[in-house]
Amino acid sequence: MDFGEVWIMLDGVKTKCHMFIFRLSHSGKAVHRIYPTQAQEAFLEGHIEAFKEIGGVPVKHIRYDNLTSAVRAVVFGQGRNRLENDRWVLFRSFYGFDSFYCQPGIAGAHEKGGVEGEVGWFRRNRLSPMPVARSLEELNDRIRDWEVQDERRRINDRIRTIGQDFSAEAPFLAPLPAEAFDPGLVLNPRVDRSSMITVRMVKYSVPARFIGRRVRVSLRASELVVFDGRTVAARHQRIVTKGAQSVQLDHYLEVLKTKPALCLAPPLWPGTGVRCFHQRP
C-alpha cells in the first residue's frame, strides 16, 4: 500500500489531492482512490474500499512505509518492530491481517517496488493530462471503470492478464467481516447558537434542534457525518481549508416552521448565503 500526490481540476480549481493505492503482489490488481487528505481517515477508508473491491482480506501481511497513520515510532535496533497507533491496531484486528513495515530510507526502497511503480503508471496513463471533475466522488467513479478495464491488461511480459491472475489469487483471500468498520474519527463537538459545529477549524451546519447540545460526529476522508443516536442527522462533504464553512439551508427550516413570523436579515456569514433570523417587528 502507498500514497501518491496528484493534481486535479476540482470544480474549476486546481487542487492537490492524495491517491491511495492498494496492489496485490501476485496478480498486480490495484485499487486507487483519491482523497482530499492522507490522514488516518483516508488511510483506513482506502483499505475498506480495497477489501470490498477484491472481495476479501490478504491472509499473510500488507507492506507499508512507516506512515504516521499506522506507526507512532520506529524502534531502531529491533528489526521491523514498530510502535503502532491504537486505532490502527484495532483496525488490523477487526480485519485480521498483519502489517509488514519496510526499512526506513534507501534500505527499504526495493521492498514495495510493485506498488510504487503502480503509482507512476497510473499517473502517466490515467491522470495525465490533469483530470477534470466536479467532485472527488465523480472522479473515483471514473477510476472504478478504469480498474475494470485494467483487468484485461498484461503487466510487462506476463502471459496472463491481471484479471486472469486475480481469479487464481482470489480464493486465497480471507472473507470480509460481517459488520462494517467506521473509518471516521469520532468527535463530540457542541452546536453553537448559529446551529454550527466546528471540526478541524471548519464550520458545518446541523439541524437547529441541536443548538446547545453535543453531537456525535464521524469525520471521514471525504465527508463528515453527524449522528442523532444511530440516525444520520446531517452529512457534509469534508472541507480541508481552515476557516471555511459548509451550510445546508434545510437545517434552518425547522425554525421557520415553529416561528412563521420570522424574516430573513442580511447574511450572517459572509460568502455562505446563510441568513440570520430576526423577529419581524
C-alpha atoms as a PDB file:
ATOM      1  CA  MET A   1       0.000   0.000   0.000  1.00  0.00           C
ATOM      2  CA  ASP A   2       1.161   3.548  -0.713  1.00  0.00           C
ATOM      3  CA  PHE A   3       0.006   7.141  -1.126  1.00  0.00           C
ATOM      4  CA  GLY A   4       0.863   9.411  -4.041  1.00  0.00           C
ATOM      5  CA  GLU A   5       0.204  13.100  -4.614  1.00  0.00           C
ATOM      6  CA  VAL A   6      -1.938  14.031  -7.605  1.00  0.00           C
ATOM      7  CA  TRP A   7      -3.246  17.288  -9.030  1.00  0.00           C
ATOM      8  CA  ILE A   8      -6.777  17.538 -10.389  1.00  0.00           C
ATOM      9  CA  MET A   9      -9.038  20.313 -11.654  1.00  0.00           C
ATOM     10  CA  LEU A  10     -11.718  20.009  -8.985  1.00  0.00           C
ATOM     11  CA  ASP A  11     -14.864  22.036  -9.637  1.00  0.00           C
ATOM     12  CA  GLY A  12     -12.833  24.535 -11.636  1.00  0.00           C
ATOM     13  CA  VAL A  13      -9.971  24.845  -9.130  1.00  0.00           C
ATOM     14  CA  LYS A  14      -6.539  23.242  -9.481  1.00  0.00           C
ATOM     15  CA  THR A  15      -6.290  21.129  -6.316  1.00  0.00           C
ATOM     16  CA  LYS A  16      -3.641  18.888  -4.796  1.00  0.00           C
ATOM     17  CA  CYS A  17      -5.121  15.605  -3.623  1.00  0.00           C
ATOM     18  CA  HIS A  18      -3.816  12.276  -2.365  1.00  0.00           C
ATOM     19  CA  MET A  19      -4.212   8.924  -4.094  1.00  0.00           C
ATOM     20  CA  PHE A  20      -4.461   5.769  -2.009  1.00  0.00           C
ATOM     21  CA  ILE A  21      -3.073   2.724  -3.875  1.00  0.00           C
ATOM     22  CA  PHE A  22      -3.505  -0.883  -2.810  1.00  0.00           C
ATOM     23  CA  ARG A  23      -1.891  -3.556  -5.021  1.00  0.00           C
ATOM     24  CA  LEU A  24      -1.864  -7.346  -4.836  1.00  0.00           C
ATOM     25  CA  SER A  25       1.607  -8.695  -5.499  1.00  0.00           C
ATOM     26  CA  HIS A  26       0.720 -11.855  -7.451  1.00  0.00           C
ATOM     27  CA  SER A  27      -1.838 -10.533  -9.910  1.00  0.00           C
ATOM     28  CA  GLY A  28      -0.948  -6.843  -9.853  1.00  0.00           C
ATOM     29  CA  LYS A  29      -4.624  -5.971  -9.380  1.00  0.00           C
ATOM     30  CA  ALA A  30      -4.719  -2.480  -7.882  1.00  0.00           C
ATOM     31  CA  VAL A  31      -7.318  -0.283  -6.230  1.00  0.00           C
ATOM     32  CA  HIS A  32      -6.943   3.512  -6.402  1.00  0.00           C
ATOM     33  CA  ARG A  33      -8.974   6.125  -4.553  1.00  0.00           C
ATOM     34  CA  ILE A  34      -8.414   9.868  -4.425  1.00  0.00           C
ATOM     35  CA  TYR A  35      -8.995  11.782  -1.195  1.00  0.00           C
ATOM     36  CA  PRO A  36      -8.528  15.406  -0.135  1.00  0.00           C
ATOM     37  CA  THR A  37      -6.172  14.281   2.642  1.00  0.00           C
ATOM     38  CA  GLN A  38      -3.875  11.396   3.529  1.00  0.00           C
ATOM     39  CA  ALA A  39      -4.804  11.489   7.210  1.00  0.00           C
ATOM     40  CA  GLN A  40      -5.694   8.310   9.068  1.00  0.00           C
ATOM     41  CA  GLU A  41      -9.358   8.597   7.994  1.00  0.00           C
ATOM     42  CA  ALA A  42      -8.311   8.297   4.329  1.00  0.00           C
ATOM     43  CA  PHE A  43      -5.801   5.573   5.203  1.00  0.00           C
ATOM     44  CA  LEU A  44      -8.499   3.399   6.811  1.00  0.00           C
ATOM     45  CA  GLU A  45     -11.217   4.222   4.309  1.00  0.00           C
ATOM     46  CA  GLY A  46      -8.911   3.308   1.437  1.00  0.00           C
ATOM     47  CA  HIS A  47      -8.311  -0.121   2.972  1.00  0.00           C
ATOM     48  CA  ILE A  48     -12.043  -0.699   3.375  1.00  0.00           C
ATOM     49  CA  GLU A  49     -12.639   0.260  -0.260  1.00  0.00           C
ATOM     50  CA  ALA A  50      -9.814  -2.026  -1.397  1.00  0.00           C
ATOM     51  CA  PHE A  51     -11.060  -5.014   0.617  1.00  0.00           C
ATOM     52  CA  LYS A  52     -14.553  -4.552  -0.837  1.00  0.00           C
ATOM     53  CA  GLU A  53     -13.187  -4.377  -4.382  1.00  0.00           C
ATOM     54  CA  ILE A  54     -11.106  -7.541  -4.110  1.00  0.00           C
ATOM     55  CA  GLY A  55     -13.789  -9.323  -2.064  1.00  0.00           C
ATOM     56  CA  GLY A  56     -11.584 -10.326   0.865  1.00  0.00           C
ATOM     57  CA  VAL A  57      -8.533  -9.650   3.013  1.00  0.00           C
ATOM     58  CA  PRO A  58      -4.917 -10.796   2.418  1.00  0.00           C
ATOM     59  CA  VAL A  59      -4.094 -13.566   4.874  1.00  0.00           C
ATOM     60  CA  LYS A  60      -0.342 -13.029   5.266  1.00  0.00           C
ATOM     61  CA  HIS A  61       0.521  -9.349   5.526  1.00  0.00           C
ATOM     62  CA  ILE A  62       0.370  -5.980   3.792  1.00  0.00           C
ATOM     63  CA  ARG A  63       3.534  -3.932   3.223  1.00  0.00           C
ATOM     64  CA  TYR A  64       3.827  -0.307   4.284  1.00  0.00           C
ATOM     65  CA  ASP A  65       6.175   2.601   4.622  1.00  0.00           C
ATOM     66  CA  ASN A  66       6.431   3.949   8.139  1.00  0.00           C
ATOM     67  CA  LEU A  67       3.304   6.086   7.798  1.00  0.00           C
ATOM     68  CA  THR A  68       2.249   8.181  10.771  1.00  0.00           C
ATOM     69  CA  SER A  69      -1.309   6.905  10.217  1.00  0.00           C
ATOM     70  CA  ALA A  70      -0.071   3.500  11.364  1.00  0.00           C
ATOM     71  CA  VAL A  71       3.242   3.994  13.188  1.00  0.00           C
ATOM     72  CA  ARG A  72       3.884   6.120  16.268  1.00  0.00           C
ATOM     73  CA  ALA A  73       7.597   5.358  16.363  1.00  0.00           C
ATOM     74  CA  VAL A  74      10.260   3.259  14.627  1.00  0.00           C
ATOM     75  CA  VAL A  75      12.117   1.117  17.168  1.00  0.00           C
ATOM     76  CA  PHE A  76      15.666   1.251  15.842  1.00  0.00           C
ATOM     77  CA  GLY A  77      17.923  -1.714  16.539  1.00  0.00           C
ATOM     78  CA  GLN A  78      14.994  -4.130  16.810  1.00  0.00           C
ATOM     79  CA  GLY A  79      14.441  -5.195  13.237  1.00  0.00           C
ATOM     80  CA  ARG A  80      10.993  -4.283  11.947  1.00  0.00           C
ATOM     81  CA  ASN A  81       9.374  -3.651  15.313  1.00  0.00           C
ATOM     82  CA  ARG A  82       7.167  -0.577  15.376  1.00  0.00           C
ATOM     83  CA  LEU A  83       5.029   1.219  17.935  1.00  0.00           C
ATOM     84  CA  GLU A  84       1.659   1.320  16.183  1.00  0.00           C
ATOM     85  CA  ASN A  85      -1.296   3.665  16.648  1.00  0.00           C
ATOM     86  CA  ASP A  86      -4.049   2.205  18.798  1.00  0.00           C
ATOM     87  CA  ARG A  87      -6.771   2.788  16.195  1.00  0.00           C
ATOM     88  CA  TRP A  88      -4.635   1.117  13.534  1.00  0.00           C
ATOM     89  CA  VAL A  89      -4.140  -1.917  15.786  1.00  0.00           C
ATOM     90  CA  LEU A  90      -7.924  -2.040  16.302  1.00  0.00           C
ATOM     91  CA  PHE A  91      -8.480  -1.860  12.544  1.00  0.00           C
ATOM     92  CA  ARG A  92      -5.993  -4.652  11.787  1.00  0.00           C
ATOM     93  CA  SER A  93      -7.521  -6.831  14.479  1.00  0.00           C
ATOM     94  CA  PHE A  94     -11.006  -6.216  13.085  1.00  0.00           C
ATOM     95  CA  TYR A  95      -9.966  -7.384   9.598  1.00  0.00           C
ATOM     96  CA  GLY A  96      -7.453  -9.971  10.780  1.00  0.00           C
ATOM     97  CA  PHE A  97      -4.248  -9.169   8.882  1.00  0.00           C
ATOM     98  CA  ASP A  98      -0.650  -8.375   9.823  1.00  0.00           C
ATOM     99  CA  SER A  99       1.475  -5.420   8.761  1.00  0.00           C
ATOM    100  CA  PHE A 100       4.993  -5.562   7.300  1.00  0.00           C
ATOM    101  CA  TYR A 101       6.961  -2.339   7.599  1.00  0.00           C
ATOM    102  CA  CYS A 102       9.700  -1.567   5.110  1.00  0.00           C
ATOM    103  CA  GLN A 103      13.119  -0.464   6.308  1.00  0.00           C
ATOM    104  CA  PRO A 104      13.389   3.338   6.573  1.00  0.00           C
ATOM    105  CA  GLY A 105      15.212   5.210   3.825  1.00  0.00           C
ATOM    106  CA  ILE A 106      17.127   3.707   0.913  1.00  0.00           C
ATOM    107  CA  ALA A 107      17.451   0.319   2.649  1.00  0.00           C
ATOM    108  CA  GLY A 108      13.741  -0.334   2.171  1.00  0.00           C
ATOM    109  CA  ALA A 109      13.294   1.285  -1.240  1.00  0.00           C
ATOM    110  CA  HIS A 110      13.088  -2.075  -3.054  1.00  0.00           C
ATOM    111  CA  GLU A 111      10.681  -3.746  -0.623  1.00  0.00           C
ATOM    112  CA  LYS A 112       7.462  -2.481  -2.204  1.00  0.00           C
ATOM    113  CA  GLY A 113       8.552  -1.567  -5.702  1.00  0.00           C
ATOM    114  CA  GLY A 114       5.366  -3.005  -7.212  1.00  0.00           C
ATOM    115  CA  VAL A 115       3.017  -0.502  -5.612  1.00  0.00           C
ATOM    116  CA  GLU A 116       5.439   2.393  -6.136  1.00  0.00           C
ATOM    117  CA  GLY A 117       5.606   1.505  -9.825  1.00  0.00           C
ATOM    118  CA  GLU A 118       1.805   1.406  -9.884  1.00  0.00           C
ATOM    119  CA  VAL A 119       1.689   4.990  -8.604  1.00  0.00           C
ATOM    120  CA  GLY A 120       3.771   6.176 -11.555  1.00  0.00           C
ATOM    121  CA  TRP A 121       1.947   4.047 -14.121  1.00  0.00           C
ATOM    122  CA  PHE A 122      -1.471   5.266 -13.029  1.00  0.00           C
ATOM    123  CA  ARG A 123      -0.413   8.906 -13.021  1.00  0.00           C
ATOM    124  CA  ARG A 124       1.030   8.676 -16.533  1.00  0.00           C
ATOM    125  CA  ASN A 125      -1.731   6.616 -18.091  1.00  0.00           C
ATOM    126  CA  ARG A 126      -4.892   7.678 -16.244  1.00  0.00           C
ATOM    127  CA  LEU A 127      -4.247  11.079 -14.677  1.00  0.00           C
ATOM    128  CA  SER A 128      -2.394  12.783 -17.496  1.00  0.00           C
ATOM    129  CA  PRO A 129      -3.442  15.295 -18.677  1.00  0.00           C
ATOM    130  CA  MET A 130      -4.815  16.607 -15.403  1.00  0.00           C
ATOM    131  CA  PRO A 131      -8.317  15.147 -14.865  1.00  0.00           C
ATOM    132  CA  VAL A 132     -11.301  17.481 -14.592  1.00  0.00           C
ATOM    133  CA  ALA A 133     -14.172  16.608 -12.240  1.00  0.00           C
ATOM    134  CA  ARG A 134     -16.954  18.336 -10.330  1.00  0.00           C
ATOM    135  CA  SER A 135     -16.273  16.211  -7.235  1.00  0.00           C
ATOM    136  CA  LEU A 136     -13.952  13.515  -5.929  1.00  0.00           C
ATOM    137  CA  GLU A 137     -16.885  11.114  -5.918  1.00  0.00           C
ATOM    138  CA  GLU A 138     -17.300  11.627  -9.651  1.00  0.00           C
ATOM    139  CA  LEU A 139     -13.579  11.078 -10.246  1.00  0.00           C
ATOM    140  CA  ASN A 140     -13.468   7.932  -8.103  1.00  0.00           C
ATOM    141  CA  ASP A 141     -16.424   6.507 -10.061  1.00  0.00           C
ATOM    142  CA  ARG A 142     -14.371   7.093 -13.218  1.00  0.00           C
ATOM    143  CA  ILE A 143     -11.407   5.342 -11.590  1.00  0.00           C
ATOM    144  CA  ARG A 144     -13.573   2.294 -10.825  1.00  0.00           C
ATOM    145  CA  ASP A 145     -14.339   1.984 -14.532  1.00  0.00           C
ATOM    146  CA  TRP A 146     -10.620   2.225 -15.369  1.00  0.00           C
ATOM    147  CA  GLU A 147      -9.836  -0.549 -12.880  1.00  0.00           C
ATOM    148  CA  VAL A 148     -12.316  -2.842 -14.637  1.00  0.00           C
ATOM    149  CA  GLN A 149     -10.585  -2.091 -17.935  1.00  0.00           C
ATOM    150  CA  ASP A 150      -7.178  -2.807 -16.373  1.00  0.00           C
ATOM    151  CA  GLU A 151      -8.180  -6.403 -15.662  1.00  0.00           C
ATOM    152  CA  ARG A 152      -7.634  -7.050 -19.383  1.00  0.00           C
ATOM    153  CA  ARG A 153      -4.126  -5.573 -19.223  1.00  0.00           C
ATOM    154  CA  ARG A 154      -0.901  -7.620 -19.114  1.00  0.00           C
ATOM    155  CA  ILE A 155       1.923  -6.386 -16.905  1.00  0.00           C
ATOM    156  CA  ASN A 156       5.222  -6.326 -18.797  1.00  0.00           C
ATOM    157  CA  ASP A 157       5.782  -9.755 -20.398  1.00  0.00           C
ATOM    158  CA  ARG A 158       3.368 -11.806 -18.300  1.00  0.00           C
ATOM    159  CA  ILE A 159       1.400 -14.485 -20.137  1.00  0.00           C
ATOM    160  CA  ARG A 160      -1.885 -13.925 -18.316  1.00  0.00           C
ATOM    161  CA  THR A 161      -3.867 -10.753 -17.773  1.00  0.00           C
ATOM    162  CA  ILE A 162      -4.342  -9.076 -14.400  1.00  0.00           C
ATOM    163  CA  GLY A 163      -7.895 -10.413 -14.257  1.00  0.00           C
ATOM    164  CA  GLN A 164      -6.818 -13.989 -15.023  1.00  0.00           C
ATOM    165  CA  ASP A 165      -4.129 -13.942 -12.332  1.00  0.00           C
ATOM    166  CA  PHE A 166      -6.547 -12.404  -9.847  1.00  0.00           C
ATOM    167  CA  SER A 167      -9.035 -15.220 -10.473  1.00  0.00           C
ATOM    168  CA  ALA A 168      -6.366 -17.652  -9.234  1.00  0.00           C
ATOM    169  CA  GLU A 169      -5.458 -15.376  -6.320  1.00  0.00           C
ATOM    170  CA  ALA A 170      -8.950 -14.524  -5.023  1.00  0.00           C
ATOM    171  CA  PRO A 171      -9.765 -17.929  -3.408  1.00  0.00           C
ATOM    172  CA  PHE A 172      -6.840 -17.456  -1.002  1.00  0.00           C
ATOM    173  CA  LEU A 173      -8.247 -14.246   0.488  1.00  0.00           C
ATOM    174  CA  ALA A 174      -9.872 -14.331   3.919  1.00  0.00           C
ATOM    175  CA  PRO A 175     -13.592 -13.415   3.995  1.00  0.00           C
ATOM    176  CA  LEU A 176     -14.746  -9.923   4.893  1.00  0.00           C
ATOM    177  CA  PRO A 177     -16.157  -9.333   8.402  1.00  0.00           C
ATOM    178  CA  ALA A 178     -19.944  -9.448   8.709  1.00  0.00           C
ATOM    179  CA  GLU A 179     -20.089  -5.972  10.270  1.00  0.00           C
ATOM    180  CA  ALA A 180     -18.795  -2.667   8.932  1.00  0.00           C
ATOM    181  CA  PHE A 181     -15.933  -0.675  10.462  1.00  0.00           C
ATOM    182  CA  ASP A 182     -16.420   3.098  10.727  1.00  0.00           C
ATOM    183  CA  PRO A 183     -13.153   4.609   9.445  1.00  0.00           C
ATOM    184  CA  GLY A 184     -14.049   8.087  10.684  1.00  0.00           C
ATOM    185  CA  LEU A 185     -12.531   9.944  13.582  1.00  0.00           C
ATOM    186  CA  VAL A 186     -15.257  10.164  16.249  1.00  0.00           C
ATOM    187  CA  LEU A 187     -15.702  13.610  17.793  1.00  0.00           C
ATOM    188  CA  ASN A 188     -18.313  15.249  20.045  1.00  0.00           C
ATOM    189  CA  PRO A 189     -18.456  18.983  19.267  1.00  0.00           C
ATOM    190  CA  ARG A 190     -21.059  21.324  20.756  1.00  0.00           C
ATOM    191  CA  VAL A 191     -23.577  23.037  18.472  1.00  0.00           C
ATOM    192  CA  ASP A 192     -23.333  26.819  18.770  1.00  0.00           C
ATOM    193  CA  ARG A 193     -26.178  29.342  18.733  1.00  0.00           C
ATOM    194  CA  SER A 194     -25.931  29.582  14.932  1.00  0.00           C
ATOM    195  CA  SER A 195     -26.572  25.821  14.637  1.00  0.00           C
ATOM    196  CA  MET A 196     -22.978  25.178  13.561  1.00  0.00           C
ATOM    197  CA  ILE A 197     -20.285  22.829  14.791  1.00  0.00           C
ATOM    198  CA  THR A 198     -16.545  23.398  14.422  1.00  0.00           C
ATOM    199  CA  VAL A 199     -14.401  20.457  13.316  1.00  0.00           C
ATOM    200  CA  ARG A 200     -10.718  20.902  12.439  1.00  0.00           C
ATOM    201  CA  MET A 201     -11.229  24.696  12.230  1.00  0.00           C
ATOM    202  CA  VAL A 202     -14.078  24.311   9.703  1.00  0.00           C
ATOM    203  CA  LYS A 203     -17.737  25.092  10.445  1.00  0.00           C
ATOM    204  CA  TYR A 204     -20.573  22.758   9.413  1.00  0.00           C
ATOM    205  CA  SER A 205     -24.305  23.321   9.889  1.00  0.00           C
ATOM    206  CA  VAL A 206     -26.599  20.897  11.714  1.00  0.00           C
ATOM    207  CA  PRO A 207     -30.384  20.935  12.229  1.00  0.00           C
ATOM    208  CA  ALA A 208     -31.421  23.788  14.514  1.00  0.00           C
ATOM    209  CA  ARG A 209     -32.953  21.446  17.108  1.00  0.00           C
ATOM    210  CA  PHE A 210     -29.429  20.522  18.236  1.00  0.00           C
ATOM    211  CA  ILE A 211     -28.448  24.054  19.302  1.00  0.00           C
ATOM    212  CA  GLY A 212     -26.652  23.921  22.658  1.00  0.00           C
ATOM    213  CA  ARG A 213     -26.179  20.147  22.551  1.00  0.00           C
ATOM    214  CA  ARG A 214     -23.183  17.960  21.843  1.00  0.00           C
ATOM    215  CA  VAL A 215     -23.471  15.708  18.800  1.00  0.00           C
ATOM    216  CA  ARG A 216     -21.536  12.657  17.684  1.00  0.00           C
ATOM    217  CA  VAL A 217     -19.550  13.255  14.521  1.00  0.00           C
ATOM    218  CA  SER A 218     -17.697  10.830  12.260  1.00  0.00           C
ATOM    219  CA  LEU A 219     -15.006  12.759  10.358  1.00  0.00           C
ATOM    220  CA  ARG A 220     -14.190  10.644   7.312  1.00  0.00           C
ATOM    221  CA  ALA A 221     -11.809  11.053   4.403  1.00  0.00           C
ATOM    222  CA  SER A 222     -14.310  12.725   2.062  1.00  0.00           C
ATOM    223  CA  GLU A 223     -17.278  13.530   4.244  1.00  0.00           C
ATOM    224  CA  LEU A 224     -18.462  14.492   7.711  1.00  0.00           C
ATOM    225  CA  VAL A 225     -21.466  12.667   9.183  1.00  0.00           C
ATOM    226  CA  VAL A 226     -23.457  13.903  12.182  1.00  0.00           C
ATOM    227  CA  PHE A 227     -25.469  11.357  14.162  1.00  0.00           C
ATOM    228  CA  ASP A 228     -28.515  11.627  16.413  1.00  0.00           C
ATOM    229  CA  GLY A 229     -28.198   8.294  18.207  1.00  0.00           C
ATOM    230  CA  ARG A 230     -27.843   5.865  15.300  1.00  0.00           C
ATOM    231  CA  THR A 231     -29.700   8.080  12.853  1.00  0.00           C
ATOM    232  CA  VAL A 232     -27.796  10.315  10.422  1.00  0.00           C
ATOM    233  CA  ALA A 233     -28.805  13.907  11.191  1.00  0.00           C
ATOM    234  CA  ALA A 234     -26.519  15.699   8.717  1.00  0.00           C
ATOM    235  CA  ARG A 235     -23.970  14.876   6.064  1.00  0.00           C
ATOM    236  CA  HIS A 236     -21.426  17.245   4.505  1.00  0.00           C
ATOM    237  CA  GLN A 237     -18.613  16.939   2.011  1.00  0.00           C
ATOM    238  CA  ARG A 238     -15.410  17.282   4.013  1.00  0.00           C
ATOM    239  CA  ILE A 239     -13.598  20.614   3.719  1.00  0.00           C
ATOM    240  CA  VAL A 240      -9.867  20.863   4.395  1.00  0.00           C
ATOM    241  CA  THR A 241      -9.488  24.644   4.045  1.00  0.00           C
ATOM    242  CA  LYS A 242      -9.215  26.149   7.518  1.00  0.00           C
ATOM    243  CA  GLY A 243     -11.793  28.817   8.276  1.00  0.00           C
ATOM    244  CA  ALA A 244     -14.192  27.601   5.564  1.00  0.00           C
ATOM    245  CA  GLN A 245     -17.866  26.765   6.099  1.00  0.00           C
ATOM    246  CA  SER A 246     -20.370  24.242   4.782  1.00  0.00           C
ATOM    247  CA  VAL A 247     -24.004  25.235   5.240  1.00  0.00           C
ATOM    248  CA  GLN A 248     -27.231  23.462   4.295  1.00  0.00           C
ATOM    249  CA  LEU A 249     -30.211  25.803   4.449  1.00  0.00           C
ATOM    250  CA  ASP A 250     -32.583  22.908   5.162  1.00  0.00           C
ATOM    251  CA  HIS A 251     -31.143  22.768   8.656  1.00  0.00           C
ATOM    252  CA  TYR A 252     -32.802  26.118   9.428  1.00  0.00           C
ATOM    253  CA  LEU A 253     -36.284  25.347   8.094  1.00  0.00           C
ATOM    254  CA  GLU A 254     -37.324  23.927  11.477  1.00  0.00           C
ATOM    255  CA  VAL A 255     -37.038  27.434  12.929  1.00  0.00           C
ATOM    256  CA  LEU A 256     -39.368  28.864  10.292  1.00  0.00           C
ATOM    257  CA  LYS A 257     -41.931  26.108  10.885  1.00  0.00           C
ATOM    258  CA  THR A 258     -42.200  26.882  14.586  1.00  0.00           C
ATOM    259  CA  LYS A 259     -41.859  30.684  14.188  1.00  0.00           C
ATOM    260  CA  PRO A 260     -43.532  31.666  10.898  1.00  0.00           C
ATOM    261  CA  ALA A 261     -43.307  35.373  11.775  1.00  0.00           C
ATOM    262  CA  LEU A 262     -39.537  35.348  11.247  1.00  0.00           C
ATOM    263  CA  CYS A 263     -37.957  37.329   8.440  1.00  0.00           C
ATOM    264  CA  LEU A 264     -34.591  36.983   6.788  1.00  0.00           C
ATOM    265  CA  ALA A 265     -31.947  39.620   7.511  1.00  0.00           C
ATOM    266  CA  PRO A 266     -28.667  40.205   5.605  1.00  0.00           C
ATOM    267  CA  PRO A 267     -26.193  37.288   5.600  1.00  0.00           C
ATOM    268  CA  LEU A 268     -24.735  36.421   8.974  1.00  0.00           C
ATOM    269  CA  TRP A 269     -21.696  34.630   7.495  1.00  0.00           C
ATOM    270  CA  PRO A 270     -20.071  36.325   4.506  1.00  0.00           C
ATOM    271  CA  GLY A 271     -19.962  34.187   1.394  1.00  0.00           C
ATOM    272  CA  THR A 272     -22.245  31.413   2.696  1.00  0.00           C
ATOM    273  CA  GLY A 273     -25.654  32.798   1.800  1.00  0.00           C
ATOM    274  CA  VAL A 274     -26.934  31.794   5.246  1.00  0.00           C
ATOM    275  CA  ARG A 275     -29.139  34.427   6.786  1.00  0.00           C
ATOM    276  CA  CYS A 276     -29.791  35.103  10.436  1.00  0.00           C
ATOM    277  CA  PHE A 277     -33.319  35.081  11.795  1.00  0.00           C
ATOM    278  CA  HIS A 278     -34.941  38.122  13.430  1.00  0.00           C
ATOM    279  CA  GLN A 279     -38.420  38.552  14.820  1.00  0.00           C
ATOM    280  CA  ARG A 280     -40.442  40.738  12.478  1.00  0.00           C
ATOM    281  CA  PRO A 281     -41.382  43.989  14.279  1.00  0.00           C
END
